[in-house]
């Protein structure tokens, strides 16, 4: 084999190697793009789930505040009812003593 043939064969081998590396690089880029797309979808889903959880937490906090308010109102009404009951009982006692006097 002549020097020129050896050089041409070496260049072809070098070119074939380069083509193979380029093909592998293209495959890698395509695979990475697909993985990126999948990860972006997962991220979007996780962000939606996080936002839903935040909203549920806010709703829960609002419900807890409303329950606390209702419990306080209920306690206030019980105290008021007891006060009214005592006053009515005193009035009835006064009426009873007026009737017996």
N, C-alpha and C. Protein backbone atom coordinates (compact mmCIF):
# COMPACT_ATOMS: atom_id res chain seq x y z
N UNK A 1 0.85 -1.14 0.00
CA UNK A 1 0.00 0.00 0.00
C UNK A 1 0.91 1.22 0.00
N UNK A 2 0.54 2.17 -0.81
CA UNK A 2 1.37 3.36 -0.95
C UNK A 2 1.07 4.34 0.16
N UNK A 3 1.96 5.29 0.26
CA UNK A 3 1.82 6.32 1.27
C UNK A 3 0.50 7.06 1.09
N UNK A 4 0.10 7.37 -0.10
CA UNK A 4 -1.13 8.10 -0.38
C UNK A 4 -2.34 7.27 0.01
N UNK A 5 -2.26 5.95 -0.28
CA UNK A 5 -3.37 5.08 0.07
C UNK A 5 -3.52 4.97 1.58
N UNK A 6 -2.37 4.88 2.26
CA UNK A 6 -2.41 4.80 3.72
C UNK A 6 -2.99 6.09 4.31
N UNK A 7 -2.61 7.22 3.75
CA UNK A 7 -3.13 8.49 4.24
C UNK A 7 -4.63 8.58 4.00
N UNK A 8 -5.07 8.13 2.81
CA UNK A 8 -6.50 8.16 2.48
C UNK A 8 -7.27 7.22 3.40
N UNK A 9 -6.71 6.03 3.66
CA UNK A 9 -7.37 5.07 4.54
C UNK A 9 -7.43 5.64 5.96
N UNK A 10 -6.37 6.29 6.41
CA UNK A 10 -6.34 6.91 7.73
C UNK A 10 -7.37 8.02 7.85
N UNK A 11 -7.51 8.79 6.78
CA UNK A 11 -8.49 9.88 6.79
C UNK A 11 -9.91 9.32 6.81
N UNK A 12 -10.13 8.22 6.08
CA UNK A 12 -11.46 7.60 6.06
C UNK A 12 -11.79 7.06 7.44
N UNK A 13 -10.79 6.40 8.09
CA UNK A 13 -11.02 5.88 9.44
C UNK A 13 -11.31 7.05 10.40
N UNK A 14 -10.55 8.11 10.23
CA UNK A 14 -10.74 9.28 11.06
C UNK A 14 -12.12 9.89 10.82
N UNK A 15 -12.54 9.96 9.58
CA UNK A 15 -13.84 10.51 9.21
C UNK A 15 -14.96 9.60 9.73
N UNK A 16 -14.78 8.30 9.61
CA UNK A 16 -15.78 7.35 10.10
C UNK A 16 -15.92 7.47 11.62
N UNK A 17 -14.80 7.62 12.29
CA UNK A 17 -14.82 7.79 13.76
C UNK A 17 -15.54 9.07 14.14
N UNK A 18 -15.26 10.13 13.38
CA UNK A 18 -15.92 11.40 13.64
C UNK A 18 -17.43 11.30 13.40
N UNK A 19 -17.80 10.63 12.32
CA UNK A 19 -19.23 10.43 12.03
C UNK A 19 -19.90 9.64 13.16
N UNK A 20 -19.20 8.63 13.65
CA UNK A 20 -19.76 7.82 14.73
C UNK A 20 -19.92 8.65 16.01
N UNK A 21 -18.94 9.47 16.33
CA UNK A 21 -19.03 10.33 17.51
C UNK A 21 -20.15 11.36 17.35
N UNK A 22 -20.31 11.89 16.14
CA UNK A 22 -21.39 12.85 15.89
C UNK A 22 -22.74 12.17 16.05
N UNK A 23 -22.87 10.96 15.53
CA UNK A 23 -24.13 10.21 15.65
C UNK A 23 -24.44 9.94 17.12
N UNK A 24 -23.43 9.56 17.90
CA UNK A 24 -23.65 9.32 19.33
C UNK A 24 -24.04 10.62 20.04
N UNK A 25 -23.40 11.72 19.64
CA UNK A 25 -23.73 13.02 20.24
C UNK A 25 -25.17 13.41 19.92
N UNK A 26 -25.59 13.18 18.68
CA UNK A 26 -26.97 13.50 18.28
C UNK A 26 -27.94 12.64 19.08
N UNK A 27 -27.64 11.34 19.21
CA UNK A 27 -28.50 10.46 20.00
C UNK A 27 -28.57 10.93 21.46
N UNK A 28 -27.44 11.32 22.01
CA UNK A 28 -27.39 11.80 23.38
C UNK A 28 -28.23 13.07 23.54
N UNK A 29 -28.10 14.00 22.59
CA UNK A 29 -28.87 15.24 22.65
C UNK A 29 -30.37 14.93 22.59
N UNK A 30 -30.77 14.03 21.68
CA UNK A 30 -32.19 13.67 21.58
C UNK A 30 -32.69 13.03 22.86
N UNK A 31 -31.90 12.13 23.43
CA UNK A 31 -32.31 11.47 24.68
C UNK A 31 -32.40 12.49 25.82
N UNK A 32 -31.45 13.41 25.89
CA UNK A 32 -31.47 14.42 26.94
C UNK A 32 -32.66 15.36 26.77
N UNK A 33 -33.02 15.67 25.55
CA UNK A 33 -34.21 16.51 25.32
C UNK A 33 -35.47 15.81 25.80
N UNK A 34 -35.55 14.50 25.51
CA UNK A 34 -36.72 13.74 25.96
C UNK A 34 -36.78 13.70 27.49
N UNK A 35 -35.62 13.46 28.11
CA UNK A 35 -35.58 13.45 29.57
C UNK A 35 -35.97 14.81 30.14
N UNK A 36 -35.47 15.86 29.50
CA UNK A 36 -35.79 17.21 29.95
C UNK A 36 -37.29 17.45 29.86
N UNK A 37 -37.89 17.03 28.75
CA UNK A 37 -39.33 17.20 28.57
C UNK A 37 -40.10 16.45 29.66
N UNK A 38 -39.69 15.23 29.93
CA UNK A 38 -40.34 14.44 30.98
C UNK A 38 -40.19 15.09 32.34
N UNK A 39 -39.00 15.61 32.63
CA UNK A 39 -38.76 16.26 33.91
C UNK A 39 -39.57 17.56 34.02
N UNK A 40 -39.70 18.28 32.92
CA UNK A 40 -40.51 19.50 32.93
C UNK A 40 -41.97 19.17 33.22
N UNK A 41 -42.46 18.06 32.65
CA UNK A 41 -43.83 17.65 32.92
C UNK A 41 -44.00 17.27 34.39
N UNK A 42 -43.01 16.54 34.92
CA UNK A 42 -43.07 16.16 36.34
C UNK A 42 -43.04 17.40 37.22
N UNK A 43 -42.20 18.35 36.86
CA UNK A 43 -42.11 19.59 37.63
C UNK A 43 -43.44 20.35 37.60
N UNK A 44 -44.05 20.42 36.43
CA UNK A 44 -45.33 21.11 36.31
C UNK A 44 -46.39 20.42 37.17
N UNK A 45 -46.38 19.10 37.15
CA UNK A 45 -47.33 18.36 37.99
C UNK A 45 -47.08 18.59 39.47
N UNK A 46 -45.82 18.60 39.85
CA UNK A 46 -45.48 18.84 41.26
C UNK A 46 -45.86 20.26 41.67
N UNK A 47 -45.67 21.22 40.78
CA UNK A 47 -46.05 22.60 41.09
C UNK A 47 -47.56 22.73 41.24
N UNK A 48 -48.31 22.04 40.37
CA UNK A 48 -49.78 22.06 40.50
C UNK A 48 -50.20 21.45 41.84
N UNK A 49 -49.58 20.31 42.17
CA UNK A 49 -49.92 19.65 43.43
C UNK A 49 -49.57 20.53 44.62
N UNK A 50 -48.44 21.23 44.55
CA UNK A 50 -48.05 22.13 45.62
C UNK A 50 -49.04 23.28 45.76
N UNK A 51 -49.47 23.84 44.64
CA UNK A 51 -50.43 24.94 44.69
C UNK A 51 -51.76 24.46 45.26
N UNK A 52 -52.19 23.26 44.87
CA UNK A 52 -53.43 22.70 45.42
C UNK A 52 -53.29 22.48 46.93
N UNK A 53 -52.13 22.01 47.35
CA UNK A 53 -51.90 21.80 48.78
C UNK A 53 -51.91 23.12 49.53
N UNK A 54 -51.32 24.15 48.93
CA UNK A 54 -51.33 25.47 49.56
C UNK A 54 -52.76 25.99 49.70
N UNK A 55 -53.54 25.83 48.64
CA UNK A 55 -54.94 26.30 48.70
C UNK A 55 -55.72 25.53 49.75
N UNK A 56 -55.49 24.22 49.80
CA UNK A 56 -56.19 23.40 50.80
C UNK A 56 -55.77 23.83 52.21
N UNK A 57 -54.51 24.14 52.38
CA UNK A 57 -54.02 24.59 53.68
C UNK A 57 -54.65 25.92 54.06
N UNK A 58 -54.75 26.83 53.10
CA UNK A 58 -55.39 28.12 53.37
C UNK A 58 -56.86 27.93 53.71
N UNK A 59 -57.53 27.06 52.97
CA UNK A 59 -58.94 26.79 53.25
C UNK A 59 -59.09 26.17 54.64
N UNK A 60 -58.18 25.29 54.97
CA UNK A 60 -58.21 24.65 56.29
C UNK A 60 -58.00 25.68 57.39
N UNK A 61 -57.06 26.58 57.18
CA UNK A 61 -56.81 27.63 58.17
C UNK A 61 -58.04 28.52 58.32
N UNK A 62 -58.69 28.84 57.20
CA UNK A 62 -59.90 29.66 57.25
C UNK A 62 -61.01 28.92 57.99
N UNK A 63 -61.14 27.63 57.72
CA UNK A 63 -62.17 26.83 58.40
C UNK A 63 -61.88 26.75 59.90
N UNK A 64 -60.60 26.60 60.24
CA UNK A 64 -60.23 26.53 61.65
C UNK A 64 -60.57 27.85 62.34
N UNK A 65 -60.28 28.96 61.68
CA UNK A 65 -60.60 30.26 62.25
C UNK A 65 -62.10 30.41 62.43
N UNK A 66 -62.87 29.95 61.45
CA UNK A 66 -64.34 30.03 61.54
C UNK A 66 -64.85 29.15 62.67
N UNK A 67 -64.29 27.97 62.83
CA UNK A 67 -64.71 27.08 63.92
C UNK A 67 -64.39 27.72 65.27
N UNK A 68 -63.21 28.32 65.37
CA UNK A 68 -62.84 29.00 66.62
C UNK A 68 -63.81 30.13 66.92
N UNK A 69 -64.15 30.91 65.90
CA UNK A 69 -65.09 32.01 66.09
C UNK A 69 -66.45 31.49 66.53
N UNK A 70 -66.91 30.42 65.89
CA UNK A 70 -68.21 29.84 66.25
C UNK A 70 -68.20 29.30 67.68
N UNK A 71 -67.09 28.70 68.08
CA UNK A 71 -67.00 28.18 69.45
C UNK A 71 -67.05 29.33 70.45
N UNK A 72 -66.37 30.41 70.14
CA UNK A 72 -66.41 31.58 71.03
C UNK A 72 -67.81 32.18 71.10
N UNK A 73 -68.47 32.26 69.95
CA UNK A 73 -69.85 32.75 69.91
C UNK A 73 -70.76 31.85 70.74
N UNK A 74 -70.57 30.55 70.60
CA UNK A 74 -71.39 29.59 71.33
C UNK A 74 -71.19 29.76 72.83
N UNK A 75 -69.95 29.91 73.25
CA UNK A 75 -69.67 30.09 74.68
C UNK A 75 -70.29 31.39 75.18
N UNK A 76 -70.18 32.43 74.37
CA UNK A 76 -70.77 33.72 74.74
C UNK A 76 -72.29 33.59 74.88
N UNK A 77 -72.91 32.88 73.97
CA UNK A 77 -74.37 32.69 74.02
C UNK A 77 -74.76 31.85 75.23
N UNK A 78 -73.96 30.87 75.59
CA UNK A 78 -74.25 30.07 76.79
C UNK A 78 -74.22 30.95 78.04
N UNK A 79 -73.21 31.80 78.13
CA UNK A 79 -73.10 32.68 79.28
C UNK A 79 -74.29 33.64 79.33
N UNK A 80 -74.65 34.16 78.17
CA UNK A 80 -75.79 35.07 78.11
C UNK A 80 -77.08 34.34 78.49
N UNK A 81 -77.24 33.12 78.03
CA UNK A 81 -78.42 32.32 78.37
C UNK A 81 -78.48 32.07 79.88
N UNK A 82 -77.35 31.72 80.47
CA UNK A 82 -77.32 31.49 81.91
C UNK A 82 -77.67 32.76 82.67
N UNK A 83 -77.16 33.88 82.20
CA UNK A 83 -77.47 35.16 82.83
C UNK A 83 -78.96 35.47 82.74
N UNK A 84 -79.54 35.27 81.56
CA UNK A 84 -80.98 35.51 81.37
C UNK A 84 -81.79 34.56 82.25
N UNK A 85 -81.36 33.31 82.35
CA UNK A 85 -82.08 32.33 83.18
C UNK A 85 -82.07 32.78 84.64
N UNK A 86 -80.92 33.22 85.13
CA UNK A 86 -80.85 33.69 86.52
C UNK A 86 -81.76 34.90 86.74
N UNK A 87 -81.79 35.81 85.80
CA UNK A 87 -82.64 36.99 85.94
C UNK A 87 -84.12 36.59 85.94
N UNK A 88 -84.50 35.67 85.04
CA UNK A 88 -85.90 35.21 84.99
C UNK A 88 -86.25 34.50 86.29
N UNK A 89 -85.34 33.69 86.82
CA UNK A 89 -85.61 33.00 88.08
C UNK A 89 -85.81 34.01 89.22
N UNK A 90 -84.99 35.06 89.25
CA UNK A 90 -85.16 36.09 90.27
C UNK A 90 -86.51 36.80 90.12
N UNK A 91 -86.89 37.09 88.86
CA UNK A 91 -88.19 37.73 88.63
C UNK A 91 -89.33 36.82 89.07
N UNK A 92 -89.21 35.53 88.77
CA UNK A 92 -90.25 34.59 89.19
C UNK A 92 -90.32 34.49 90.70
N UNK A 93 -89.17 34.51 91.36
CA UNK A 93 -89.16 34.49 92.83
C UNK A 93 -89.82 35.74 93.38
N UNK A 94 -89.51 36.87 92.73
CA UNK A 94 -90.13 38.13 93.18
C UNK A 94 -91.65 38.08 93.01
N UNK A 95 -92.09 37.56 91.88
CA UNK A 95 -93.53 37.43 91.62
C UNK A 95 -94.15 36.50 92.64
N UNK A 96 -93.46 35.37 92.92
CA UNK A 96 -93.99 34.42 93.89
C UNK A 96 -94.11 35.05 95.28
N UNK A 97 -93.12 35.83 95.67
CA UNK A 97 -93.18 36.45 96.99
C UNK A 97 -94.26 37.53 97.02
N UNK A 98 -94.53 38.17 95.92
CA UNK A 98 -95.60 39.18 95.86
C UNK A 98 -96.96 38.51 95.98
N UNK A 99 -97.07 37.33 95.38
CA UNK A 99 -98.34 36.61 95.42
C UNK A 99 -98.63 36.05 96.80
N UNK A 100 -97.63 35.73 97.57
CA UNK A 100 -97.84 35.16 98.90
C UNK A 100 -97.92 36.24 99.97
N UNK A 101 -97.54 37.42 99.61
CA UNK A 101 -97.56 38.48 100.61
C UNK A 101 -98.89 39.12 100.78
